[in-house]
Protein backbone atom coordinates (compact mmCIF):
# COMPACT_ATOMS: atom_id res chain seq x y z
CA MET A 1 57.17 -27.33 4.24
CA GLN A 2 53.75 -28.95 4.25
CA THR A 3 52.71 -31.11 1.31
CA LYS A 4 49.86 -29.61 -0.68
CA LEU A 5 47.07 -31.93 -1.74
CA ALA A 6 44.41 -31.69 -4.44
CA THR A 7 41.37 -33.82 -5.28
CA CYS A 8 40.31 -34.95 -8.75
CA THR A 9 36.88 -33.56 -9.66
CA ASN A 10 36.14 -36.68 -11.73
CA CYS A 11 37.11 -39.68 -9.56
CA ASN A 12 37.92 -38.00 -6.20
CA ARG A 13 41.49 -39.38 -6.12
CA VAL A 14 43.70 -37.34 -3.83
CA CYS A 15 47.12 -36.39 -5.22
CA PHE A 16 50.06 -34.41 -3.91
CA ILE A 17 50.92 -31.28 -5.86
CA VAL A 18 54.33 -30.81 -7.48
CA SER A 19 55.71 -27.99 -9.58
CA ARG A 20 56.57 -28.60 -13.22
CA LYS A 21 60.24 -28.06 -12.28
CA ARG A 22 60.02 -30.76 -9.57
CA ALA A 23 58.26 -33.14 -11.99
CA GLN A 24 61.06 -32.67 -14.52
CA GLU A 25 63.69 -33.34 -11.85
CA GLU A 26 61.91 -36.58 -10.86
CA VAL A 27 61.60 -37.65 -14.51
CA THR A 28 65.33 -37.11 -15.03
CA VAL A 29 66.25 -39.22 -11.97
CA ASN A 30 63.75 -41.96 -12.83
CA ASN A 31 64.91 -42.18 -16.44
CA LYS A 32 68.58 -42.45 -15.43
CA PHE A 33 67.59 -45.49 -13.35
CA TYR A 34 65.32 -46.82 -16.13
CA LEU A 35 68.19 -46.81 -18.63
CA LYS A 36 70.28 -48.98 -16.30
CA CYS A 37 67.54 -51.60 -15.87
CA THR A 38 67.39 -54.93 -17.67
CA ASP A 39 64.43 -55.53 -19.97
CA ALA A 40 62.89 -57.79 -17.32
CA MET A 41 63.21 -55.07 -14.66
CA LYS A 42 61.73 -52.49 -17.02
CA ALA A 43 58.75 -54.73 -17.73
CA LYS A 44 58.12 -55.27 -14.01
CA MET A 45 58.91 -51.84 -12.58
CA PHE A 46 58.01 -49.58 -15.52
CA PRO A 47 55.08 -51.21 -17.37
CA GLY A 48 54.25 -47.86 -18.99
CA GLY A 49 57.79 -47.24 -20.21
CA SER A 50 60.11 -44.41 -19.27
CA SER A 51 58.92 -41.48 -17.21
CA THR A 52 57.55 -38.25 -18.71
CA VAL A 53 56.26 -34.96 -17.34
CA ALA A 54 53.04 -35.64 -19.27
CA ARG A 55 52.24 -38.35 -16.71
CA TYR A 56 52.02 -35.63 -14.07
CA GLU A 57 49.44 -33.73 -16.13
CA SER A 58 46.48 -36.02 -15.57
CA CYS A 59 44.89 -38.28 -13.00
CA SER A 60 44.82 -42.03 -13.55
CA CYS A 61 41.19 -41.52 -14.66
CA GLY A 62 42.36 -39.12 -17.39
CA ASN A 63 41.15 -35.88 -15.79
CA SER A 64 43.48 -32.90 -16.36
CA TYR A 65 45.48 -31.47 -13.46
CA LYS A 66 43.77 -28.17 -14.29
CA LYS A 67 40.45 -29.67 -13.18
CA PHE A 68 41.54 -30.61 -9.66
CA ARG A 69 40.08 -28.82 -6.65
CA ASP A 70 41.61 -27.97 -3.30
CA PHE A 71 41.75 -30.93 -0.92
CA LYS A 72 39.19 -31.03 1.88
CA LYS A 73 39.50 -32.99 5.10
CA GLY A 74 37.88 -36.38 4.57
CA ASP A 75 38.72 -36.64 0.84
CA ALA A 76 41.31 -39.39 1.46
CA ASN A 77 40.90 -42.67 3.31
CA ASN A 78 43.59 -44.37 5.37
CA GLY A 79 45.69 -46.48 3.06
CA ASP A 80 44.94 -44.50 -0.10
CA MET A 81 47.98 -44.25 -2.37
CA LEU A 82 48.72 -40.64 -3.24
CA LEU A 83 50.13 -39.89 -6.68
CA PRO A 84 51.82 -36.71 -7.90
CA ILE A 85 49.93 -34.17 -10.00
CA LEU A 86 51.11 -30.86 -11.43
CA ASP A 87 50.17 -27.65 -9.69
CA LYS A 88 47.34 -26.10 -11.70
CA LYS A 89 49.18 -22.77 -11.38
CA ASP A 90 51.97 -24.18 -13.60
């Protein structure tokens, strides 16, 4: 299965699309690990606290996942870090 990409209409960040179900699965796994971490590990690895599906609902610039457009060749540069974003169909 090919990874689907989308581009933020505000800052042009490219993200990979995940379903709400997949986001919830990732949150569950991440939070199980988070609960086992020491306070020092949490501060270093999870500066924003535990994981939530809400974090998949917007770009780092604050733009809603509903305002992303389809990815076009050339939107991403080599070395860009891709983050997950909800599928706007969800």
